[in-house]
Amino acid sequence: MEIKRYKTSHRWSVATVHNGVAYITGQTAKDTSSNLYEQTKQTLEKIDEILADLGSDKSKILMATIYLQDVTKFQEMNKAWDEWVAEGAAPARACIEGAANNPAELVEIIVTAAVD
């Protein structure tokens, strides 16, 4: 049984791959001064980069969990998500309100994806 860890630190790995499945830890925007729509776009770009490094892409996402600082702004996040999600490959998804460690982080996204 092989487990691959990607960008590992003492505390966590950005991703862990086992049995053809990548488990990607919560990703947030680089620029937390921007609005929820922009932070979501930045976060999804980071996920694209991680998936590419792991030999996968957004069309292979199995599940996404999205945490929002303020769930009443759900539509801003959804706008960015809808522009990004692969046509015909929408994953199972949950979106809930949750406080981030950094109050400037308006969105955090965790994904599980198939890898080749």
PDB file of N, CA and C in Angstrom:
ATOM      1  N   MET A   1       0.853  -1.176   0.000  1.00  0.00           N
ATOM      2  CA  MET A   1       0.000   0.000   0.000  1.00  0.00           C
ATOM      3  C   MET A   1       0.895   1.234   0.000  1.00  0.00           C
ATOM      4  N   GLU A   2       0.820   1.981  -1.083  1.00  0.00           N
ATOM      5  CA  GLU A   2       1.644   3.191  -1.205  1.00  0.00           C
ATOM      6  C   GLU A   2       0.789   4.434  -0.942  1.00  0.00           C
ATOM      7  N   ILE A   3       1.334   5.315  -0.124  1.00  0.00           N
ATOM      8  CA  ILE A   3       0.725   6.619   0.133  1.00  0.00           C
ATOM      9  C   ILE A   3       1.744   7.669  -0.268  1.00  0.00           C
ATOM     10  N   LYS A   4       1.354   8.562  -1.164  1.00  0.00           N
ATOM     11  CA  LYS A   4       2.232   9.657  -1.589  1.00  0.00           C
ATOM     12  C   LYS A   4       1.755  10.940  -0.924  1.00  0.00           C
ATOM     13  N   ARG A   5       2.698  11.704  -0.433  1.00  0.00           N
ATOM     14  CA  ARG A   5       2.377  12.978   0.207  1.00  0.00           C
ATOM     15  C   ARG A   5       2.998  14.103  -0.610  1.00  0.00           C
ATOM     16  N   TYR A   6       2.243  15.159  -0.804  1.00  0.00           N
ATOM     17  CA  TYR A   6       2.637  16.282  -1.657  1.00  0.00           C
ATOM     18  C   TYR A   6       2.789  17.530  -0.799  1.00  0.00           C
ATOM     19  N   LYS A   7       3.953  18.163  -0.921  1.00  0.00           N
ATOM     20  CA  LYS A   7       4.252  19.391  -0.165  1.00  0.00           C
ATOM     21  C   LYS A   7       3.941  19.200   1.329  1.00  0.00           C
ATOM     22  N   THR A   8       4.701  18.314   1.914  1.00  0.00           N
ATOM     23  CA  THR A   8       4.492  17.945   3.308  1.00  0.00           C
ATOM     24  C   THR A   8       5.320  18.816   4.243  1.00  0.00           C
ATOM     25  N   SER A   9       4.690  19.219   5.332  1.00  0.00           N
ATOM     26  CA  SER A   9       5.386  19.915   6.420  1.00  0.00           C
ATOM     27  C   SER A   9       5.266  19.039   7.661  1.00  0.00           C
ATOM     28  N   HIS A  10       5.747  19.536   8.751  1.00  0.00           N
ATOM     29  CA  HIS A  10       5.640  18.794  10.008  1.00  0.00           C
ATOM     30  C   HIS A  10       4.180  18.559  10.400  1.00  0.00           C
ATOM     31  N   ARG A  11       3.320  19.519  10.096  1.00  0.00           N
ATOM     32  CA  ARG A  11       1.937  19.480  10.564  1.00  0.00           C
ATOM     33  C   ARG A  11       0.972  18.834   9.572  1.00  0.00           C
ATOM     34  N   TRP A  12       1.147  19.063   8.268  1.00  0.00           N
ATOM     35  CA  TRP A  12       0.211  18.508   7.278  1.00  0.00           C
ATOM     36  C   TRP A  12       0.847  18.453   5.897  1.00  0.00           C
ATOM     37  N   SER A  13       0.136  17.800   4.991  1.00  0.00           N
ATOM     38  CA  SER A  13       0.506  17.755   3.577  1.00  0.00           C
ATOM     39  C   SER A  13      -0.556  18.521   2.805  1.00  0.00           C
ATOM     40  N   VAL A  14      -0.149  19.183   1.744  1.00  0.00           N
ATOM     41  CA  VAL A  14      -1.111  19.872   0.891  1.00  0.00           C
ATOM     42  C   VAL A  14      -2.042  18.846   0.260  1.00  0.00           C
ATOM     43  N   ALA A  15      -1.499  17.677  -0.059  1.00  0.00           N
ATOM     44  CA  ALA A  15      -2.323  16.593  -0.605  1.00  0.00           C
ATOM     45  C   ALA A  15      -1.717  15.247  -0.227  1.00  0.00           C
ATOM     46  N   THR A  16      -2.580  14.265  -0.170  1.00  0.00           N
ATOM     47  CA  THR A  16      -2.179  12.880   0.037  1.00  0.00           C
ATOM     48  C   THR A  16      -2.872  12.058  -1.040  1.00  0.00           C
ATOM     49  N   VAL A  17      -2.110  11.156  -1.671  1.00  0.00           N
ATOM     50  CA  VAL A  17      -2.667  10.331  -2.737  1.00  0.00           C
ATOM     51  C   VAL A  17      -2.552   8.864  -2.333  1.00  0.00           C
ATOM     52  N   HIS A  18      -3.679   8.169  -2.455  1.00  0.00           N
ATOM     53  CA  HIS A  18      -3.718   6.743  -2.136  1.00  0.00           C
ATOM     54  C   HIS A  18      -4.774   6.069  -3.014  1.00  0.00           C
ATOM     55  N   ASN A  19      -4.410   4.929  -3.574  1.00  0.00           N
ATOM     56  CA  ASN A  19      -5.367   4.152  -4.376  1.00  0.00           C
ATOM     57  C   ASN A  19      -6.026   4.961  -5.490  1.00  0.00           C
ATOM     58  N   GLY A  20      -5.280   5.849  -6.119  1.00  0.00           N
ATOM     59  CA  GLY A  20      -5.818   6.630  -7.230  1.00  0.00           C
ATOM     60  C   GLY A  20      -6.720   7.781  -6.840  1.00  0.00           C
ATOM     61  N   VAL A  21      -6.684   8.151  -5.552  1.00  0.00           N
ATOM     62  CA  VAL A  21      -7.500   9.272  -5.079  1.00  0.00           C
ATOM     63  C   VAL A  21      -6.604  10.276  -4.373  1.00  0.00           C
ATOM     64  N   ALA A  22      -6.768  11.550  -4.727  1.00  0.00           N
ATOM     65  CA  ALA A  22      -6.035  12.648  -4.078  1.00  0.00           C
ATOM     66  C   ALA A  22      -6.963  13.354  -3.106  1.00  0.00           C
ATOM     67  N   TYR A  23      -6.453  13.559  -1.906  1.00  0.00           N
ATOM     68  CA  TYR A  23      -7.180  14.282  -0.864  1.00  0.00           C
ATOM     69  C   TYR A  23      -6.424  15.594  -0.667  1.00  0.00           C
ATOM     70  N   ILE A  24      -7.035  16.691  -1.091  1.00  0.00           N
ATOM     71  CA  ILE A  24      -6.361  17.996  -1.066  1.00  0.00           C
ATOM     72  C   ILE A  24      -6.901  18.813   0.093  1.00  0.00           C
ATOM     73  N   THR A  25      -5.981  19.282   0.907  1.00  0.00           N
ATOM     74  CA  THR A  25      -6.352  20.048   2.087  1.00  0.00           C
ATOM     75  C   THR A  25      -6.989  21.384   1.709  1.00  0.00           C
ATOM     76  N   GLY A  26      -7.600  22.026   2.669  1.00  0.00           N
ATOM     77  CA  GLY A  26      -8.287  23.293   2.436  1.00  0.00           C
ATOM     78  C   GLY A  26      -7.380  24.338   1.810  1.00  0.00           C
ATOM     79  N   GLN A  27      -7.841  24.904   0.710  1.00  0.00           N
ATOM     80  CA  GLN A  27      -7.098  25.936  -0.007  1.00  0.00           C
ATOM     81  C   GLN A  27      -7.822  27.270   0.135  1.00  0.00           C
ATOM     82  N   THR A  28      -7.031  28.327   0.240  1.00  0.00           N
ATOM     83  CA  THR A  28      -7.568  29.677   0.369  1.00  0.00           C
ATOM     84  C   THR A  28      -6.867  30.596  -0.634  1.00  0.00           C
ATOM     85  N   ALA A  29      -7.391  31.798  -0.773  1.00  0.00           N
ATOM     86  CA  ALA A  29      -6.845  32.776  -1.718  1.00  0.00           C
ATOM     87  C   ALA A  29      -5.504  33.325  -1.237  1.00  0.00           C
ATOM     88  N   LYS A  30      -4.670  33.711  -2.188  1.00  0.00           N
ATOM     89  CA  LYS A  30      -3.395  34.363  -1.860  1.00  0.00           C
ATOM     90  C   LYS A  30      -3.621  35.807  -1.427  1.00  0.00           C
ATOM     91  N   ASP A  31      -4.569  36.478  -2.081  1.00  0.00           N
ATOM     92  CA  ASP A  31      -4.868  37.886  -1.775  1.00  0.00           C
ATOM     93  C   ASP A  31      -6.173  37.963  -0.991  1.00  0.00           C
ATOM     94  N   THR A  32      -6.059  38.071   0.313  1.00  0.00           N
ATOM     95  CA  THR A  32      -7.253  38.098   1.161  1.00  0.00           C
ATOM     96  C   THR A  32      -7.865  39.488   1.283  1.00  0.00           C
ATOM     97  N   SER A  33      -7.321  40.463   0.551  1.00  0.00           N
ATOM     98  CA  SER A  33      -7.919  41.801   0.567  1.00  0.00           C
ATOM     99  C   SER A  33      -9.046  41.917  -0.462  1.00  0.00           C
ATOM    100  N   SER A  34      -9.193  40.900  -1.312  1.00  0.00           N
ATOM    101  CA  SER A  34     -10.215  40.952  -2.364  1.00  0.00           C
ATOM    102  C   SER A  34     -11.550  40.403  -1.859  1.00  0.00           C
ATOM    103  N   ASN A  35     -12.591  40.569  -2.681  1.00  0.00           N
ATOM    104  CA  ASN A  35     -13.937  40.130  -2.303  1.00  0.00           C
ATOM    105  C   ASN A  35     -14.084  38.615  -2.455  1.00  0.00           C
ATOM    106  N   LEU A  36     -15.221  38.081  -2.058  1.00  0.00           N
ATOM    107  CA  LEU A  36     -15.449  36.642  -2.076  1.00  0.00           C
ATOM    108  C   LEU A  36     -15.337  36.061  -3.478  1.00  0.00           C
ATOM    109  N   TYR A  37     -15.881  36.729  -4.468  1.00  0.00           N
ATOM    110  CA  TYR A  37     -15.794  36.248  -5.854  1.00  0.00           C
ATOM    111  C   TYR A  37     -14.338  36.083  -6.272  1.00  0.00           C
ATOM    112  N   GLU A  38     -13.523  37.107  -6.041  1.00  0.00           N
ATOM    113  CA  GLU A  38     -12.104  37.058  -6.426  1.00  0.00           C
ATOM    114  C   GLU A  38     -11.340  36.028  -5.601  1.00  0.00           C
ATOM    115  N   GLN A  39     -11.622  35.954  -4.305  1.00  0.00           N
ATOM    116  CA  GLN A  39     -10.949  34.953  -3.469  1.00  0.00           C
ATOM    117  C   GLN A  39     -11.293  33.540  -3.936  1.00  0.00           C
ATOM    118  N   THR A  40     -12.533  33.335  -4.332  1.00  0.00           N
ATOM    119  CA  THR A  40     -12.927  32.011  -4.827  1.00  0.00           C
ATOM    120  C   THR A  40     -12.175  31.687  -6.107  1.00  0.00           C
ATOM    121  N   LYS A  41     -12.082  32.638  -7.036  1.00  0.00           N
ATOM    122  CA  LYS A  41     -11.336  32.419  -8.279  1.00  0.00           C
ATOM    123  C   LYS A  41      -9.879  32.059  -7.985  1.00  0.00           C
ATOM    124  N   GLN A  42      -9.253  32.803  -7.071  1.00  0.00           N
ATOM    125  CA  GLN A  42      -7.854  32.531  -6.726  1.00  0.00           C
ATOM    126  C   GLN A  42      -7.694  31.141  -6.108  1.00  0.00           C
ATOM    127  N   THR A  43      -8.628  30.786  -5.247  1.00  0.00           N
ATOM    128  CA  THR A  43      -8.577  29.487  -4.592  1.00  0.00           C
ATOM    129  C   THR A  43      -8.715  28.362  -5.613  1.00  0.00           C
ATOM    130  N   LEU A  44      -9.614  28.516  -6.557  1.00  0.00           N
ATOM    131  CA  LEU A  44      -9.806  27.504  -7.593  1.00  0.00           C
ATOM    132  C   LEU A  44      -8.583  27.401  -8.502  1.00  0.00           C
ATOM    133  N   GLU A  45      -7.905  28.509  -8.745  1.00  0.00           N
ATOM    134  CA  GLU A  45      -6.665  28.479  -9.525  1.00  0.00           C
ATOM    135  C   GLU A  45      -5.595  27.668  -8.794  1.00  0.00           C
ATOM    136  N   LYS A  46      -5.503  27.845  -7.463  1.00  0.00           N
ATOM    137  CA  LYS A  46      -4.555  27.049  -6.674  1.00  0.00           C
ATOM    138  C   LYS A  46      -4.889  25.560  -6.771  1.00  0.00           C
ATOM    139  N   ILE A  47      -6.166  25.237  -6.710  1.00  0.00           N
ATOM    140  CA  ILE A  47      -6.583  23.841  -6.818  1.00  0.00           C
ATOM    141  C   ILE A  47      -6.218  23.283  -8.187  1.00  0.00           C
ATOM    142  N   ASP A  48      -6.417  24.069  -9.248  1.00  0.00           N
ATOM    143  CA  ASP A  48      -6.005  23.649 -10.592  1.00  0.00           C
ATOM    144  C   ASP A  48      -4.517  23.300 -10.616  1.00  0.00           C
ATOM    145  N   GLU A  49      -3.685  24.137 -10.017  1.00  0.00           N
ATOM    146  CA  GLU A  49      -2.232  23.921  -9.991  1.00  0.00           C
ATOM    147  C   GLU A  49      -1.875  22.640  -9.236  1.00  0.00           C
ATOM    148  N   ILE A  50      -2.487  22.441  -8.100  1.00  0.00           N
ATOM    149  CA  ILE A  50      -2.215  21.238  -7.304  1.00  0.00           C
ATOM    150  C   ILE A  50      -2.639  19.993  -8.075  1.00  0.00           C
ATOM    151  N   LEU A  51      -3.843  20.031  -8.633  1.00  0.00           N
ATOM    152  CA  LEU A  51      -4.322  18.889  -9.408  1.00  0.00           C
ATOM    153  C   LEU A  51      -3.379  18.566 -10.570  1.00  0.00           C
ATOM    154  N   ALA A  52      -2.919  19.589 -11.271  1.00  0.00           N
ATOM    155  CA  ALA A  52      -1.993  19.366 -12.386  1.00  0.00           C
ATOM    156  C   ALA A  52      -0.699  18.719 -11.891  1.00  0.00           C
ATOM    157  N   ASP A  53      -0.178  19.183 -10.780  1.00  0.00           N
ATOM    158  CA  ASP A  53       1.036  18.597 -10.210  1.00  0.00           C
ATOM    159  C   ASP A  53       0.841  17.127  -9.843  1.00  0.00           C
ATOM    160  N   LEU A  54      -0.381  16.762  -9.497  1.00  0.00           N
ATOM    161  CA  LEU A  54      -0.685  15.388  -9.099  1.00  0.00           C
ATOM    162  C   LEU A  54      -1.092  14.509 -10.280  1.00  0.00           C
ATOM    163  N   GLY A  55      -1.167  15.090 -11.478  1.00  0.00           N
ATOM    164  CA  GLY A  55      -1.556  14.335 -12.658  1.00  0.00           C
ATOM    165  C   GLY A  55      -3.063  14.210 -12.811  1.00  0.00           C
ATOM    166  N   SER A  56      -3.784  15.218 -12.364  1.00  0.00           N
ATOM    167  CA  SER A  56      -5.241  15.211 -12.446  1.00  0.00           C
ATOM    168  C   SER A  56      -5.717  16.566 -12.939  1.00  0.00           C
ATOM    169  N   ASP A  57      -7.021  16.764 -12.947  1.00  0.00           N
ATOM    170  CA  ASP A  57      -7.584  18.063 -13.301  1.00  0.00           C
ATOM    171  C   ASP A  57      -8.986  18.169 -12.714  1.00  0.00           C
ATOM    172  N   LYS A  58      -9.603  19.327 -12.867  1.00  0.00           N
ATOM    173  CA  LYS A  58     -10.903  19.592 -12.241  1.00  0.00           C
ATOM    174  C   LYS A  58     -12.020  18.679 -12.734  1.00  0.00           C
ATOM    175  N   SER A  59     -11.866  18.091 -13.903  1.00  0.00           N
ATOM    176  CA  SER A  59     -12.896  17.170 -14.399  1.00  0.00           C
ATOM    177  C   SER A  59     -12.904  15.852 -13.625  1.00  0.00           C
ATOM    178  N   LYS A  60     -11.882  15.636 -12.808  1.00  0.00           N
ATOM    179  CA  LYS A  60     -11.771  14.393 -12.039  1.00  0.00           C
ATOM    180  C   LYS A  60     -12.067  14.592 -10.556  1.00  0.00           C
ATOM    181  N   ILE A  61     -12.580  15.782 -10.197  1.00  0.00           N
ATOM    182  CA  ILE A  61     -12.926  16.019  -8.795  1.00  0.00           C
ATOM    183  C   ILE A  61     -14.153  15.183  -8.440  1.00  0.00           C
ATOM    184  N   LEU A  62     -14.037  14.461  -7.348  1.00  0.00           N
ATOM    185  CA  LEU A  62     -15.123  13.606  -6.879  1.00  0.00           C
ATOM    186  C   LEU A  62     -16.021  14.327  -5.884  1.00  0.00           C
ATOM    187  N   MET A  63     -15.405  15.135  -5.013  1.00  0.00           N
ATOM    188  CA  MET A  63     -16.136  15.802  -3.936  1.00  0.00           C
ATOM    189  C   MET A  63     -15.438  17.107  -3.597  1.00  0.00           C
ATOM    190  N   ALA A  64     -16.223  18.126  -3.331  1.00  0.00           N
ATOM    191  CA  ALA A  64     -15.690  19.407  -2.863  1.00  0.00           C
ATOM    192  C   ALA A  64     -16.473  19.839  -1.633  1.00  0.00           C
ATOM    193  N   THR A  65     -15.755  20.355  -0.652  1.00  0.00           N
ATOM    194  CA  THR A  65     -16.384  20.947   0.522  1.00  0.00           C
ATOM    195  C   THR A  65     -15.927  22.394   0.582  1.00  0.00           C
ATOM    196  N   ILE A  66     -16.897  23.301   0.636  1.00  0.00           N
ATOM    197  CA  ILE A  66     -16.608  24.736   0.612  1.00  0.00           C
ATOM    198  C   ILE A  66     -17.064  25.351   1.920  1.00  0.00           C
ATOM    199  N   TYR A  67     -16.156  26.078   2.544  1.00  0.00           N
ATOM    200  CA  TYR A  67     -16.461  26.797   3.781  1.00  0.00           C
ATOM    201  C   TYR A  67     -16.476  28.289   3.473  1.00  0.00           C
ATOM    202  N   LEU A  68     -17.558  28.959   3.848  1.00  0.00           N
ATOM    203  CA  LEU A  68     -17.691  30.402   3.642  1.00  0.00           C
ATOM    204  C   LEU A  68     -17.740  31.119   4.972  1.00  0.00           C
ATOM    205  N   GLN A  69     -17.059  32.260   5.068  1.00  0.00           N
ATOM    206  CA  GLN A  69     -17.150  33.094   6.271  1.00  0.00           C
ATOM    207  C   GLN A  69     -18.585  33.552   6.477  1.00  0.00           C
ATOM    208  N   ASP A  70     -19.247  33.897   5.378  1.00  0.00           N
ATOM    209  CA  ASP A  70     -20.608  34.428   5.440  1.00  0.00           C
ATOM    210  C   ASP A  70     -21.453  33.742   4.363  1.00  0.00           C
ATOM    211  N   VAL A  71     -22.263  32.784   4.781  1.00  0.00           N
ATOM    212  CA  VAL A  71     -23.027  31.990   3.830  1.00  0.00           C
ATOM    213  C   VAL A  71     -24.090  32.815   3.091  1.00  0.00           C
ATOM    214  N   THR A  72     -24.421  33.998   3.582  1.00  0.00           N
ATOM    215  CA  THR A  72     -25.388  34.846   2.868  1.00  0.00           C
ATOM    216  C   THR A  72     -24.801  35.372   1.557  1.00  0.00           C
ATOM    217  N   LYS A  73     -23.478  35.266   1.377  1.00  0.00           N
ATOM    218  CA  LYS A  73     -22.821  35.702   0.138  1.00  0.00           C
ATOM    219  C   LYS A  73     -22.555  34.517  -0.801  1.00  0.00           C
ATOM    220  N   PHE A  74     -23.285  33.460  -0.589  1.00  0.00           N
ATOM    221  CA  PHE A  74     -23.177  32.216  -1.340  1.00  0.00           C
ATOM    222  C   PHE A  74     -23.137  32.439  -2.854  1.00  0.00           C
ATOM    223  N   GLN A  75     -23.957  33.362  -3.361  1.00  0.00           N
ATOM    224  CA  GLN A  75     -24.051  33.583  -4.810  1.00  0.00           C
ATOM    225  C   GLN A  75     -22.749  34.113  -5.414  1.00  0.00           C
ATOM    226  N   GLU A  76     -21.986  34.909  -4.644  1.00  0.00           N
ATOM    227  CA  GLU A  76     -20.685  35.394  -5.145  1.00  0.00           C
ATOM    228  C   GLU A  76     -19.734  34.231  -5.387  1.00  0.00           C
ATOM    229  N   MET A  77     -19.698  33.307  -4.426  1.00  0.00           N
ATOM    230  CA  MET A  77     -18.848  32.137  -4.572  1.00  0.00           C
ATOM    231  C   MET A  77     -19.348  31.285  -5.736  1.00  0.00           C
ATOM    232  N   ASN A  78     -20.656  31.081  -5.806  1.00  0.00           N
ATOM    233  CA  ASN A  78     -21.232  30.245  -6.863  1.00  0.00           C
ATOM    234  C   ASN A  78     -20.936  30.797  -8.256  1.00  0.00           C
ATOM    235  N   LYS A  79     -20.888  32.107  -8.389  1.00  0.00           N
ATOM    236  CA  LYS A  79     -20.580  32.716  -9.696  1.00  0.00           C
ATOM    237  C   LYS A  79     -19.194  32.264 -10.164  1.00  0.00           C
ATOM    238  N   ALA A  80     -18.211  32.359  -9.275  1.00  0.00           N
ATOM    239  CA  ALA A  80     -16.854  31.932  -9.622  1.00  0.00           C
ATOM    240  C   ALA A  80     -16.810  30.423  -9.858  1.00  0.00           C
ATOM    241  N   TRP A  81     -17.498  29.673  -9.000  1.00  0.00           N
ATOM    242  CA  TRP A  81     -17.529  28.209  -9.139  1.00  0.00           C
ATOM    243  C   TRP A  81     -18.120  27.813 -10.492  1.00  0.00           C
ATOM    244  N   ASP A  82     -19.263  28.393 -10.840  1.00  0.00           N
ATOM    245  CA  ASP A  82     -19.942  28.048 -12.090  1.00  0.00           C
ATOM    246  C   ASP A  82     -19.089  28.371 -13.316  1.00  0.00           C
ATOM    247  N   GLU A  83     -18.305  29.431 -13.254  1.00  0.00           N
ATOM    248  CA  GLU A  83     -17.405  29.784 -14.356  1.00  0.00           C
ATOM    249  C   GLU A  83     -16.254  28.781 -14.472  1.00  0.00           C
ATOM    250  N   TRP A  84     -15.905  28.142 -13.371  1.00  0.00           N
ATOM    251  CA  TRP A  84     -14.728  27.277 -13.298  1.00  0.00           C
ATOM    252  C   TRP A  84     -15.031  25.800 -13.502  1.00  0.00           C
ATOM    253  N   VAL A  85     -16.113  25.300 -12.942  1.00  0.00           N
ATOM    254  CA  VAL A  85     -16.361  23.854 -12.915  1.00  0.00           C
ATOM    255  C   VAL A  85     -16.381  23.281 -14.332  1.00  0.00           C
ATOM    256  N   ALA A  86     -15.805  22.085 -14.485  1.00  0.00           N
ATOM    257  CA  ALA A  86     -15.719  21.443 -15.796  1.00  0.00           C
ATOM    258  C   ALA A  86     -17.115  21.083 -16.303  1.00  0.00           C
ATOM    259  N   GLU A  87     -17.375  21.418 -17.543  1.00  0.00           N
ATOM    260  CA  GLU A  87     -18.670  21.126 -18.166  1.00  0.00           C
ATOM    261  C   GLU A  87     -18.963  19.630 -18.107  1.00  0.00           C
ATOM    262  N   GLY A  88     -20.111  19.285 -17.573  1.00  0.00           N
ATOM    263  CA  GLY A  88     -20.517  17.892 -17.491  1.00  0.00           C
ATOM    264  C   GLY A  88     -19.811  17.079 -16.426  1.00  0.00           C
ATOM    265  N   ALA A  89     -19.010  17.739 -15.572  1.00  0.00           N
ATOM    266  CA  ALA A  89     -18.234  17.005 -14.566  1.00  0.00           C
ATOM    267  C   ALA A  89     -18.372  17.641 -13.180  1.00  0.00           C
ATOM    268  N   ALA A  90     -19.548  18.183 -12.887  1.00  0.00           N
ATOM    269  CA  ALA A  90     -19.754  18.790 -11.569  1.00  0.00           C
ATOM    270  C   ALA A  90     -19.636  17.710 -10.494  1.00  0.00           C
ATOM    271  N   PRO A  91     -18.792  17.942  -9.485  1.00  0.00           N
ATOM    272  CA  PRO A  91     -18.614  16.932  -8.438  1.00  0.00           C
ATOM    273  C   PRO A  91     -19.720  17.016  -7.388  1.00  0.00           C
ATOM    274  N   ALA A  92     -19.777  16.024  -6.536  1.00  0.00           N
ATOM    275  CA  ALA A  92     -20.599  16.143  -5.333  1.00  0.00           C
ATOM    276  C   ALA A  92     -20.026  17.319  -4.558  1.00  0.00           C
ATOM    277  N   ARG A  93     -20.905  18.106  -3.902  1.00  0.00           N
ATOM    278  CA  ARG A  93     -20.405  19.322  -3.270  1.00  0.00           C
ATOM    279  C   ARG A  93     -21.234  19.682  -2.049  1.00  0.00           C
ATOM    280  N   ALA A  94     -20.547  20.198  -1.043  1.00  0.00           N
ATOM    281  CA  ALA A  94     -21.212  20.738   0.139  1.00  0.00           C
ATOM    282  C   ALA A  94     -20.673  22.141   0.360  1.00  0.00           C
ATOM    283  N   CYS A  95     -21.527  23.024   0.842  1.00  0.00           N
ATOM    284  CA  CYS A  95     -21.114  24.394   1.133  1.00  0.00           C
ATOM    285  C   CYS A  95     -21.727  24.784   2.467  1.00  0.00           C
ATOM    286  N   ILE A  96     -20.865  25.143   3.410  1.00  0.00           N
ATOM    287  CA  ILE A  96     -21.332  25.485   4.742  1.00  0.00           C
ATOM    288  C   ILE A  96     -20.618  26.728   5.251  1.00  0.00           C
ATOM    289  N   GLU A  97     -21.199  27.337   6.252  1.00  0.00           N
ATOM    290  CA  GLU A  97     -20.577  28.494   6.886  1.00  0.00           C
ATOM    291  C   GLU A  97     -19.612  28.000   7.944  1.00  0.00           C
ATOM    292  N   GLY A  98     -18.446  28.625   7.991  1.00  0.00           N
ATOM    293  CA  GLY A  98     -17.452  28.253   8.984  1.00  0.00           C
ATOM    294  C   GLY A  98     -16.434  29.352   9.151  1.00  0.00           C
ATOM    295  N   ALA A  99     -16.069  29.623  10.371  1.00  0.00           N
ATOM    296  CA  ALA A  99     -15.072  30.653  10.658  1.00  0.00           C
ATOM    297  C   ALA A  99     -13.677  30.133  10.310  1.00  0.00           C
ATOM    298  N   ALA A 100     -12.912  30.955   9.640  1.00  0.00           N
ATOM    299  CA  ALA A 100     -11.543  30.604   9.278  1.00  0.00           C
ATOM    300  C   ALA A 100     -10.595  31.035  10.388  1.00  0.00           C
ATOM    301  N   ASN A 101      -9.405  30.458  10.365  1.00  0.00           N
ATOM    302  CA  ASN A 101      -8.375  30.888  11.316  1.00  0.00           C
ATOM    303  C   ASN A 101      -8.018  32.345  11.098  1.00  0.00           C
ATOM    304  N   ASN A 102      -8.047  32.773   9.845  1.00  0.00           N
ATOM    305  CA  ASN A 102      -7.777  34.154   9.478  1.00  0.00           C
ATOM    306  C   ASN A 102      -9.088  34.771   9.007  1.00  0.00           C
ATOM    307  N   PRO A 103      -9.632  35.747   9.734  1.00  0.00           N
ATOM    308  CA  PRO A 103     -10.935  36.329   9.361  1.00  0.00           C
ATOM    309  C   PRO A 103     -10.963  36.961   7.965  1.00  0.00           C
ATOM    310  N   ALA A 104      -9.798  37.250   7.387  1.00  0.00           N
ATOM    311  CA  ALA A 104      -9.754  37.825   6.040  1.00  0.00           C
ATOM    312  C   ALA A 104      -9.966  36.763   4.961  1.00  0.00           C
ATOM    313  N   GLU A 105      -9.854  35.493   5.329  1.00  0.00           N
ATOM    314  CA  GLU A 105     -10.081  34.413   4.380  1.00  0.00           C
ATOM    315  C   GLU A 105     -11.585  34.162   4.292  1.00  0.00           C
ATOM    316  N   LEU A 106     -12.175  34.522   3.182  1.00  0.00           N
ATOM    317  CA  LEU A 106     -13.622  34.451   3.007  1.00  0.00           C
ATOM    318  C   LEU A 106     -14.109  33.093   2.522  1.00  0.00           C
ATOM    319  N   VAL A 107     -13.194  32.289   1.967  1.00  0.00           N
ATOM    320  CA  VAL A 107     -13.562  30.982   1.430  1.00  0.00           C
ATOM    321  C   VAL A 107     -12.393  30.017   1.600  1.00  0.00           C
ATOM    322  N   GLU A 108     -12.728  28.776   1.881  1.00  0.00           N
ATOM    323  CA  GLU A 108     -11.750  27.692   1.929  1.00  0.00           C
ATOM    324  C   GLU A 108     -12.387  26.498   1.242  1.00  0.00           C
ATOM    325  N   ILE A 109     -11.622  25.831   0.370  1.00  0.00           N
ATOM    326  CA  ILE A 109     -12.165  24.724  -0.411  1.00  0.00           C
ATOM    327  C   ILE A 109     -11.275  23.490  -0.263  1.00  0.00           C
ATOM    328  N   ILE A 110     -11.921  22.376   0.039  1.00  0.00           N
ATOM    329  CA  ILE A 110     -11.264  21.080   0.145  1.00  0.00           C
ATOM    330  C   ILE A 110     -11.792  20.218  -0.993  1.00  0.00           C
ATOM    331  N   VAL A 111     -10.900  19.499  -1.681  1.00  0.00           N
ATOM    332  CA  VAL A 111     -11.371  18.617  -2.747  1.00  0.00           C
ATOM    333  C   VAL A 111     -10.741  17.228  -2.642  1.00  0.00           C
ATOM    334  N   THR A 112     -11.492  16.271  -3.161  1.00  0.00           N
ATOM    335  CA  THR A 112     -11.032  14.904  -3.336  1.00  0.00           C
ATOM    336  C   THR A 112     -11.161  14.624  -4.831  1.00  0.00           C
ATOM    337  N   ALA A 113     -10.099  14.095  -5.430  1.00  0.00           N
ATOM    338  CA  ALA A 113     -10.121  13.889  -6.888  1.00  0.00           C
ATOM    339  C   ALA A 113      -9.445  12.582  -7.284  1.00  0.00           C
ATOM    340  N   ALA A 114      -9.883  12.027  -8.380  1.00  0.00           N
ATOM    341  CA  ALA A 114      -9.240  10.847  -8.951  1.00  0.00           C
ATOM    342  C   ALA A 114      -7.944  11.294  -9.639  1.00  0.00           C
ATOM    343  N   VAL A 115      -6.928  10.436  -9.561  1.00  0.00           N
ATOM    344  CA  VAL A 115      -5.670  10.696 -10.265  1.00  0.00           C
ATOM    345  C   VAL A 115      -5.323   9.469 -11.085  1.00  0.00           C
ATOM    346  N   ASP A 116      -4.620   9.683 -12.191  1.00  0.00           N
ATOM    347  CA  ASP A 116      -4.211   8.573 -13.067  1.00  0.00           C
ATOM    348  C   ASP A 116      -2.977   7.891 -12.544  1.00  0.00           C
TER     349      ASP A 116
END
